[in-house]
Amino acid sequence: MNKREKIILMDMLLHEFVQNNSCQIKGLLKDSITPSQFFLLKLIALQSTCKAADIAHTLDISPSAATTILDRLYKNGWIEKNRSEKDRRIVWLTLTENGRKILSEIEIERIQLLVKQFDHIEEDELATVCEVFKKLLKNNKADLYHAE
């Protein structure tokens, strides 16, 4: 198998793994939260504070679509909206205590699921996979900077 064929195989396997993992995560979420809502809570948590425009840009959706999704998170009590004191047009989004709690509960179960999935993978194999992903991400970031 040549390099191109290996890349195609890796792409297919990665897609299948992500799809399978997404289905299992949906099972963890039950009816309490949608996968999109979980992803957004995680995104907001990683950035600590962000704006609706940041969410729209990250998801490549319109600001109105982002606002609709964020309104659901707000109504569920998972995020707060706070106007900037310096610029009243800016609304900062942060997780509430309930938002952090539901995210933490899901993350604990998600990590347990991943540990189980990778149980048969040796530590050195896992380290190699991590290094490959680091290289890919570093290369992709470099490509993005050159494209601008």
N, C-alpha and C. Protein backbone atom coordinates (compact mmCIF):
# COMPACT_ATOMS: atom_id res chain seq x y z
N MET A 1 0.85 -1.17 0.00
CA MET A 1 0.00 0.00 0.00
C MET A 1 0.90 1.24 0.00
N ASN A 2 0.65 2.16 -0.94
CA ASN A 2 1.49 3.35 -1.00
C ASN A 2 0.97 4.41 -0.02
N LYS A 3 1.69 5.52 0.10
CA LYS A 3 1.37 6.55 1.07
C LYS A 3 -0.03 7.13 0.85
N ARG A 4 -0.38 7.40 -0.40
CA ARG A 4 -1.70 7.95 -0.71
C ARG A 4 -2.81 7.00 -0.27
N GLU A 5 -2.65 5.72 -0.53
CA GLU A 5 -3.65 4.72 -0.14
C GLU A 5 -3.75 4.64 1.39
N LYS A 6 -2.61 4.76 2.07
CA LYS A 6 -2.62 4.74 3.54
C LYS A 6 -3.34 5.96 4.09
N ILE A 7 -3.15 7.10 3.46
CA ILE A 7 -3.83 8.33 3.90
C ILE A 7 -5.34 8.18 3.72
N ILE A 8 -5.75 7.63 2.59
CA ILE A 8 -7.18 7.41 2.34
C ILE A 8 -7.76 6.44 3.38
N LEU A 9 -7.03 5.37 3.66
CA LEU A 9 -7.47 4.40 4.67
C LEU A 9 -7.56 5.06 6.04
N MET A 10 -6.54 5.84 6.40
CA MET A 10 -6.54 6.53 7.69
C MET A 10 -7.74 7.48 7.78
N ASP A 11 -8.03 8.19 6.70
CA ASP A 11 -9.17 9.11 6.68
C ASP A 11 -10.48 8.35 6.91
N MET A 12 -10.64 7.24 6.25
CA MET A 12 -11.86 6.43 6.41
C MET A 12 -11.97 5.91 7.85
N LEU A 13 -10.87 5.41 8.40
CA LEU A 13 -10.88 4.88 9.76
C LEU A 13 -11.14 5.98 10.79
N LEU A 14 -10.53 7.13 10.59
CA LEU A 14 -10.74 8.25 11.51
C LEU A 14 -12.20 8.70 11.47
N HIS A 15 -12.75 8.79 10.28
CA HIS A 15 -14.15 9.17 10.13
C HIS A 15 -15.06 8.16 10.85
N GLU A 16 -14.78 6.89 10.66
CA GLU A 16 -15.59 5.84 11.31
C GLU A 16 -15.45 5.92 12.83
N PHE A 17 -14.23 6.16 13.32
CA PHE A 17 -14.01 6.27 14.76
C PHE A 17 -14.78 7.46 15.34
N VAL A 18 -14.68 8.60 14.68
CA VAL A 18 -15.37 9.81 15.16
C VAL A 18 -16.88 9.60 15.14
N GLN A 19 -17.39 9.01 14.07
CA GLN A 19 -18.83 8.75 13.96
C GLN A 19 -19.29 7.81 15.07
N ASN A 20 -18.55 6.74 15.29
CA ASN A 20 -18.87 5.77 16.35
C ASN A 20 -18.82 6.44 17.71
N ASN A 21 -17.79 7.24 17.93
CA ASN A 21 -17.62 7.93 19.21
C ASN A 21 -18.75 8.93 19.43
N SER A 22 -19.16 9.62 18.37
CA SER A 22 -20.27 10.58 18.47
C SER A 22 -21.56 9.88 18.87
N CYS A 23 -21.80 8.73 18.31
CA CYS A 23 -23.00 7.96 18.67
C CYS A 23 -22.96 7.55 20.14
N GLN A 24 -21.80 7.15 20.62
CA GLN A 24 -21.68 6.75 22.01
C GLN A 24 -21.84 7.95 22.94
N ILE A 25 -21.34 9.10 22.53
CA ILE A 25 -21.50 10.31 23.34
C ILE A 25 -22.97 10.72 23.39
N LYS A 26 -23.68 10.57 22.28
CA LYS A 26 -25.12 10.87 22.28
C LYS A 26 -25.82 10.01 23.33
N GLY A 27 -25.39 8.76 23.47
CA GLY A 27 -25.96 7.88 24.49
C GLY A 27 -25.67 8.37 25.90
N LEU A 28 -24.50 8.97 26.10
CA LEU A 28 -24.16 9.52 27.41
C LEU A 28 -25.03 10.73 27.76
N LEU A 29 -25.36 11.50 26.73
CA LEU A 29 -26.09 12.75 26.95
C LEU A 29 -27.54 12.53 27.34
N LYS A 30 -28.06 11.38 26.95
CA LYS A 30 -29.47 11.05 27.21
C LYS A 30 -30.34 12.16 26.64
N ASP A 31 -31.34 12.59 27.37
CA ASP A 31 -32.22 13.64 26.88
C ASP A 31 -31.94 14.98 27.55
N SER A 32 -30.91 15.04 28.39
CA SER A 32 -30.66 16.25 29.15
C SER A 32 -30.06 17.38 28.32
N ILE A 33 -29.32 17.02 27.28
CA ILE A 33 -28.61 18.03 26.51
C ILE A 33 -28.31 17.45 25.12
N THR A 34 -28.33 18.30 24.10
CA THR A 34 -28.03 17.83 22.75
C THR A 34 -26.52 17.85 22.52
N PRO A 35 -26.03 17.09 21.56
CA PRO A 35 -24.60 17.13 21.25
C PRO A 35 -24.11 18.55 20.92
N SER A 36 -24.91 19.31 20.19
CA SER A 36 -24.52 20.69 19.85
C SER A 36 -24.41 21.55 21.10
N GLN A 37 -25.35 21.39 22.01
CA GLN A 37 -25.30 22.16 23.26
C GLN A 37 -24.07 21.76 24.09
N PHE A 38 -23.78 20.47 24.14
CA PHE A 38 -22.60 20.00 24.86
C PHE A 38 -21.34 20.61 24.26
N PHE A 39 -21.24 20.58 22.93
CA PHE A 39 -20.07 21.14 22.25
C PHE A 39 -19.92 22.63 22.56
N LEU A 40 -21.02 23.37 22.54
CA LEU A 40 -20.97 24.79 22.83
C LEU A 40 -20.56 25.07 24.27
N LEU A 41 -21.11 24.31 25.21
CA LEU A 41 -20.70 24.48 26.60
C LEU A 41 -19.20 24.25 26.75
N LYS A 42 -18.71 23.23 26.07
CA LYS A 42 -17.29 22.92 26.13
C LYS A 42 -16.46 24.05 25.52
N LEU A 43 -16.93 24.57 24.40
CA LEU A 43 -16.26 25.67 23.72
C LEU A 43 -16.20 26.91 24.60
N ILE A 44 -17.31 27.26 25.22
CA ILE A 44 -17.36 28.42 26.11
C ILE A 44 -16.45 28.20 27.32
N ALA A 45 -16.46 26.99 27.86
CA ALA A 45 -15.62 26.67 29.02
C ALA A 45 -14.14 26.80 28.68
N LEU A 46 -13.75 26.36 27.49
CA LEU A 46 -12.34 26.43 27.10
C LEU A 46 -11.87 27.87 26.91
N GLN A 47 -12.79 28.76 26.50
CA GLN A 47 -12.42 30.14 26.27
C GLN A 47 -12.68 31.01 27.49
N SER A 48 -13.27 30.48 28.50
CA SER A 48 -13.69 31.13 29.75
C SER A 48 -14.73 32.23 29.50
N THR A 49 -14.49 33.15 28.60
CA THR A 49 -15.52 34.10 28.19
C THR A 49 -15.41 34.26 26.69
N CYS A 50 -16.54 34.44 26.06
CA CYS A 50 -16.55 34.67 24.62
C CYS A 50 -17.82 35.40 24.24
N LYS A 51 -17.92 35.78 22.99
CA LYS A 51 -19.09 36.49 22.48
C LYS A 51 -19.83 35.58 21.50
N ALA A 52 -21.08 35.92 21.23
CA ALA A 52 -21.88 35.16 20.26
C ALA A 52 -21.18 35.17 18.90
N ALA A 53 -20.53 36.28 18.56
CA ALA A 53 -19.82 36.37 17.28
C ALA A 53 -18.68 35.36 17.22
N ASP A 54 -18.02 35.12 18.35
CA ASP A 54 -16.94 34.12 18.40
C ASP A 54 -17.50 32.73 18.11
N ILE A 55 -18.65 32.44 18.69
CA ILE A 55 -19.30 31.14 18.46
C ILE A 55 -19.68 31.00 17.00
N ALA A 56 -20.29 32.04 16.44
CA ALA A 56 -20.69 32.01 15.02
C ALA A 56 -19.48 31.77 14.13
N HIS A 57 -18.38 32.46 14.43
CA HIS A 57 -17.17 32.30 13.62
C HIS A 57 -16.61 30.89 13.74
N THR A 58 -16.52 30.37 14.96
CA THR A 58 -15.98 29.03 15.19
C THR A 58 -16.80 27.96 14.50
N LEU A 59 -18.13 28.10 14.56
CA LEU A 59 -19.01 27.10 13.96
C LEU A 59 -19.31 27.38 12.49
N ASP A 60 -18.85 28.52 12.01
CA ASP A 60 -19.10 28.95 10.62
C ASP A 60 -20.60 29.00 10.33
N ILE A 61 -21.31 29.67 11.25
CA ILE A 61 -22.75 29.87 11.09
C ILE A 61 -23.05 31.36 11.21
N SER A 62 -24.25 31.75 10.87
CA SER A 62 -24.63 33.17 10.95
C SER A 62 -24.76 33.58 12.42
N PRO A 63 -24.55 34.86 12.70
CA PRO A 63 -24.73 35.33 14.08
C PRO A 63 -26.14 35.06 14.62
N SER A 64 -27.17 35.14 13.76
CA SER A 64 -28.54 34.87 14.23
C SER A 64 -28.72 33.40 14.60
N ALA A 65 -28.09 32.50 13.83
CA ALA A 65 -28.15 31.07 14.16
C ALA A 65 -27.44 30.80 15.49
N ALA A 66 -26.30 31.45 15.70
CA ALA A 66 -25.56 31.29 16.96
C ALA A 66 -26.41 31.80 18.13
N THR A 67 -27.07 32.93 17.93
CA THR A 67 -27.91 33.51 18.98
C THR A 67 -29.05 32.56 19.35
N THR A 68 -29.64 31.91 18.36
CA THR A 68 -30.73 30.95 18.62
C THR A 68 -30.24 29.80 19.49
N ILE A 69 -29.09 29.25 19.14
CA ILE A 69 -28.54 28.13 19.92
C ILE A 69 -28.18 28.60 21.33
N LEU A 70 -27.55 29.76 21.42
CA LEU A 70 -27.13 30.28 22.73
C LEU A 70 -28.32 30.63 23.61
N ASP A 71 -29.42 31.07 23.00
CA ASP A 71 -30.63 31.36 23.78
C ASP A 71 -31.13 30.11 24.49
N ARG A 72 -31.01 28.95 23.84
CA ARG A 72 -31.43 27.69 24.48
C ARG A 72 -30.55 27.37 25.69
N LEU A 73 -29.25 27.62 25.54
CA LEU A 73 -28.34 27.39 26.68
C LEU A 73 -28.68 28.34 27.83
N TYR A 74 -29.01 29.57 27.48
CA TYR A 74 -29.36 30.57 28.48
C TYR A 74 -30.66 30.18 29.19
N LYS A 75 -31.67 29.76 28.43
CA LYS A 75 -32.96 29.37 29.01
C LYS A 75 -32.82 28.15 29.93
N ASN A 76 -31.86 27.27 29.61
CA ASN A 76 -31.61 26.11 30.47
C ASN A 76 -30.78 26.45 31.70
N GLY A 77 -30.33 27.70 31.77
CA GLY A 77 -29.55 28.13 32.93
C GLY A 77 -28.10 27.67 32.90
N TRP A 78 -27.58 27.36 31.70
CA TRP A 78 -26.21 26.87 31.59
C TRP A 78 -25.20 27.95 31.26
N ILE A 79 -25.66 29.09 30.73
CA ILE A 79 -24.75 30.20 30.46
C ILE A 79 -25.35 31.50 30.99
N GLU A 80 -24.47 32.46 31.22
CA GLU A 80 -24.87 33.81 31.59
C GLU A 80 -24.49 34.74 30.45
N LYS A 81 -25.24 35.81 30.32
CA LYS A 81 -24.92 36.85 29.35
C LYS A 81 -24.68 38.14 30.14
N ASN A 82 -23.50 38.71 29.98
CA ASN A 82 -23.17 39.93 30.69
C ASN A 82 -22.65 40.98 29.72
N ARG A 83 -23.25 42.15 29.76
CA ARG A 83 -22.81 43.25 28.90
C ARG A 83 -21.47 43.78 29.37
N SER A 84 -20.63 44.10 28.42
CA SER A 84 -19.33 44.69 28.71
C SER A 84 -19.55 46.09 29.29
N GLU A 85 -18.78 46.42 30.31
CA GLU A 85 -18.87 47.76 30.90
C GLU A 85 -18.20 48.79 29.98
N LYS A 86 -17.24 48.36 29.19
CA LYS A 86 -16.53 49.27 28.29
C LYS A 86 -17.29 49.52 26.99
N ASP A 87 -17.98 48.50 26.49
CA ASP A 87 -18.72 48.62 25.24
C ASP A 87 -20.03 47.87 25.40
N ARG A 88 -21.12 48.59 25.58
CA ARG A 88 -22.42 47.98 25.87
C ARG A 88 -22.94 47.10 24.73
N ARG A 89 -22.35 47.21 23.54
CA ARG A 89 -22.77 46.35 22.42
C ARG A 89 -22.28 44.92 22.58
N ILE A 90 -21.22 44.76 23.36
CA ILE A 90 -20.61 43.44 23.56
C ILE A 90 -21.30 42.70 24.71
N VAL A 91 -21.70 41.46 24.44
CA VAL A 91 -22.30 40.60 25.46
C VAL A 91 -21.37 39.41 25.65
N TRP A 92 -20.82 39.29 26.85
CA TRP A 92 -19.91 38.19 27.17
C TRP A 92 -20.70 36.98 27.64
N LEU A 93 -20.30 35.81 27.19
CA LEU A 93 -20.94 34.56 27.57
C LEU A 93 -20.02 33.81 28.52
N THR A 94 -20.56 33.34 29.61
CA THR A 94 -19.81 32.52 30.56
C THR A 94 -20.70 31.38 31.05
N LEU A 95 -20.08 30.32 31.50
CA LEU A 95 -20.85 29.21 32.06
C LEU A 95 -21.36 29.56 33.45
N THR A 96 -22.57 29.12 33.74
CA THR A 96 -23.09 29.23 35.10
C THR A 96 -22.58 28.02 35.89
N GLU A 97 -22.88 28.01 37.16
CA GLU A 97 -22.52 26.86 37.99
C GLU A 97 -23.22 25.60 37.46
N ASN A 98 -24.49 25.73 37.05
CA ASN A 98 -25.22 24.59 36.47
C ASN A 98 -24.58 24.14 35.16
N GLY A 99 -24.13 25.09 34.36
CA GLY A 99 -23.45 24.76 33.10
C GLY A 99 -22.16 23.99 33.35
N ARG A 100 -21.38 24.47 34.33
CA ARG A 100 -20.13 23.77 34.67
C ARG A 100 -20.42 22.38 35.22
N LYS A 101 -21.50 22.26 36.00
CA LYS A 101 -21.85 20.98 36.61
C LYS A 101 -22.23 19.95 35.54
N ILE A 102 -23.13 20.32 34.63
CA ILE A 102 -23.55 19.36 33.60
C ILE A 102 -22.38 19.01 32.69
N LEU A 103 -21.55 19.99 32.36
CA LEU A 103 -20.38 19.73 31.52
C LEU A 103 -19.42 18.78 32.22
N SER A 104 -19.18 19.01 33.50
CA SER A 104 -18.27 18.16 34.28
C SER A 104 -18.79 16.72 34.37
N GLU A 105 -20.08 16.57 34.61
CA GLU A 105 -20.67 15.22 34.71
C GLU A 105 -20.52 14.46 33.40
N ILE A 106 -20.78 15.15 32.30
CA ILE A 106 -20.67 14.50 30.99
C ILE A 106 -19.22 14.20 30.66
N GLU A 107 -18.33 15.12 30.98
CA GLU A 107 -16.91 14.92 30.70
C GLU A 107 -16.35 13.71 31.46
N ILE A 108 -16.78 13.53 32.69
CA ILE A 108 -16.32 12.38 33.47
C ILE A 108 -16.73 11.08 32.77
N GLU A 109 -17.98 11.00 32.34
CA GLU A 109 -18.46 9.81 31.64
C GLU A 109 -17.78 9.64 30.28
N ARG A 110 -17.55 10.78 29.58
CA ARG A 110 -16.91 10.72 28.26
C ARG A 110 -15.47 10.21 28.38
N ILE A 111 -14.75 10.68 29.38
CA ILE A 111 -13.37 10.22 29.58
C ILE A 111 -13.36 8.74 29.95
N GLN A 112 -14.30 8.30 30.77
CA GLN A 112 -14.39 6.87 31.10
C GLN A 112 -14.63 6.05 29.85
N LEU A 113 -15.47 6.55 28.96
CA LEU A 113 -15.74 5.88 27.69
C LEU A 113 -14.46 5.80 26.85
N LEU A 114 -13.72 6.90 26.76
CA LEU A 114 -12.47 6.91 25.98
C LEU A 114 -11.44 5.96 26.57
N VAL A 115 -11.31 5.95 27.89
CA VAL A 115 -10.36 5.05 28.55
C VAL A 115 -10.70 3.60 28.20
N LYS A 116 -11.99 3.29 28.22
CA LYS A 116 -12.43 1.94 27.87
C LYS A 116 -12.11 1.63 26.40
N GLN A 117 -12.37 2.60 25.50
CA GLN A 117 -12.10 2.38 24.09
C GLN A 117 -10.61 2.16 23.81
N PHE A 118 -9.76 2.82 24.57
CA PHE A 118 -8.32 2.74 24.35
C PHE A 118 -7.63 1.75 25.28
N ASP A 119 -8.41 0.95 25.99
CA ASP A 119 -7.87 0.01 26.95
C ASP A 119 -6.88 -0.97 26.33
N HIS A 120 -7.12 -1.39 25.11
CA HIS A 120 -6.27 -2.38 24.46
C HIS A 120 -5.10 -1.74 23.68
N ILE A 121 -4.98 -0.44 23.74
CA ILE A 121 -3.89 0.26 23.06
C ILE A 121 -2.74 0.46 24.04
N GLU A 122 -1.55 0.09 23.62
CA GLU A 122 -0.36 0.24 24.47
C GLU A 122 -0.03 1.72 24.63
N GLU A 123 0.61 2.06 25.75
CA GLU A 123 0.96 3.45 26.03
C GLU A 123 1.86 4.05 24.95
N ASP A 124 2.82 3.28 24.46
CA ASP A 124 3.71 3.81 23.42
C ASP A 124 2.96 4.04 22.11
N GLU A 125 1.98 3.18 21.81
CA GLU A 125 1.16 3.38 20.61
C GLU A 125 0.33 4.66 20.75
N LEU A 126 -0.23 4.86 21.92
CA LEU A 126 -1.02 6.05 22.19
C LEU A 126 -0.14 7.31 22.09
N ALA A 127 1.06 7.23 22.61
CA ALA A 127 1.99 8.37 22.52
C ALA A 127 2.31 8.69 21.05
N THR A 128 2.46 7.66 20.23
CA THR A 128 2.74 7.86 18.80
C THR A 128 1.56 8.54 18.12
N VAL A 129 0.35 8.08 18.42
CA VAL A 129 -0.85 8.70 17.83
C VAL A 129 -0.93 10.17 18.24
N CYS A 130 -0.66 10.47 19.50
CA CYS A 130 -0.69 11.85 19.98
C CYS A 130 0.33 12.71 19.24
N GLU A 131 1.53 12.18 19.05
CA GLU A 131 2.58 12.92 18.33
C GLU A 131 2.17 13.19 16.88
N VAL A 132 1.55 12.21 16.24
CA VAL A 132 1.10 12.38 14.86
C VAL A 132 0.05 13.49 14.80
N PHE A 133 -0.92 13.47 15.72
CA PHE A 133 -1.94 14.51 15.72
C PHE A 133 -1.34 15.89 16.01
N LYS A 134 -0.37 15.95 16.90
CA LYS A 134 0.31 17.22 17.18
C LYS A 134 0.97 17.77 15.93
N LYS A 135 1.63 16.89 15.19
CA LYS A 135 2.29 17.32 13.95
C LYS A 135 1.26 17.81 12.93
N LEU A 136 0.18 17.06 12.79
CA LEU A 136 -0.87 17.46 11.85
C LEU A 136 -1.46 18.81 12.22
N LEU A 137 -1.75 19.01 13.50
CA LEU A 137 -2.33 20.27 13.94
C LEU A 137 -1.35 21.43 13.77
N LYS A 138 -0.09 21.18 14.09
CA LYS A 138 0.93 22.22 13.92
C LYS A 138 1.06 22.61 12.45
N ASN A 139 1.06 21.61 11.58
CA ASN A 139 1.17 21.85 10.15
C ASN A 139 -0.06 22.59 9.63
N ASN A 140 -1.25 22.20 10.11
CA ASN A 140 -2.48 22.86 9.67
C ASN A 140 -2.50 24.32 10.10
N LYS A 141 -2.04 24.61 11.32
CA LYS A 141 -1.99 26.00 11.79
C LYS A 141 -1.02 26.81 10.94
N ALA A 142 0.11 26.21 10.62
CA ALA A 142 1.09 26.91 9.78
C ALA A 142 0.51 27.20 8.40
N ASP A 143 -0.23 26.23 7.84
CA ASP A 143 -0.87 26.42 6.54
C ASP A 143 -1.90 27.55 6.59
N LEU A 144 -2.64 27.65 7.71
CA LEU A 144 -3.64 28.71 7.85
C LEU A 144 -2.97 30.09 7.85
N TYR A 145 -1.83 30.20 8.53
CA TYR A 145 -1.15 31.49 8.60
C TYR A 145 -0.59 31.89 7.24
N HIS A 146 -0.14 30.92 6.46
CA HIS A 146 0.40 31.22 5.13
C HIS A 146 -0.70 31.61 4.15
N ALA A 147 -1.92 31.12 4.40
CA ALA A 147 -3.04 31.41 3.48
C ALA A 147 -3.55 32.83 3.64
N GLU A 148 -3.31 33.45 4.81
CA GLU A 148 -3.83 34.80 5.06
C GLU A 148 -3.01 35.86 4.40
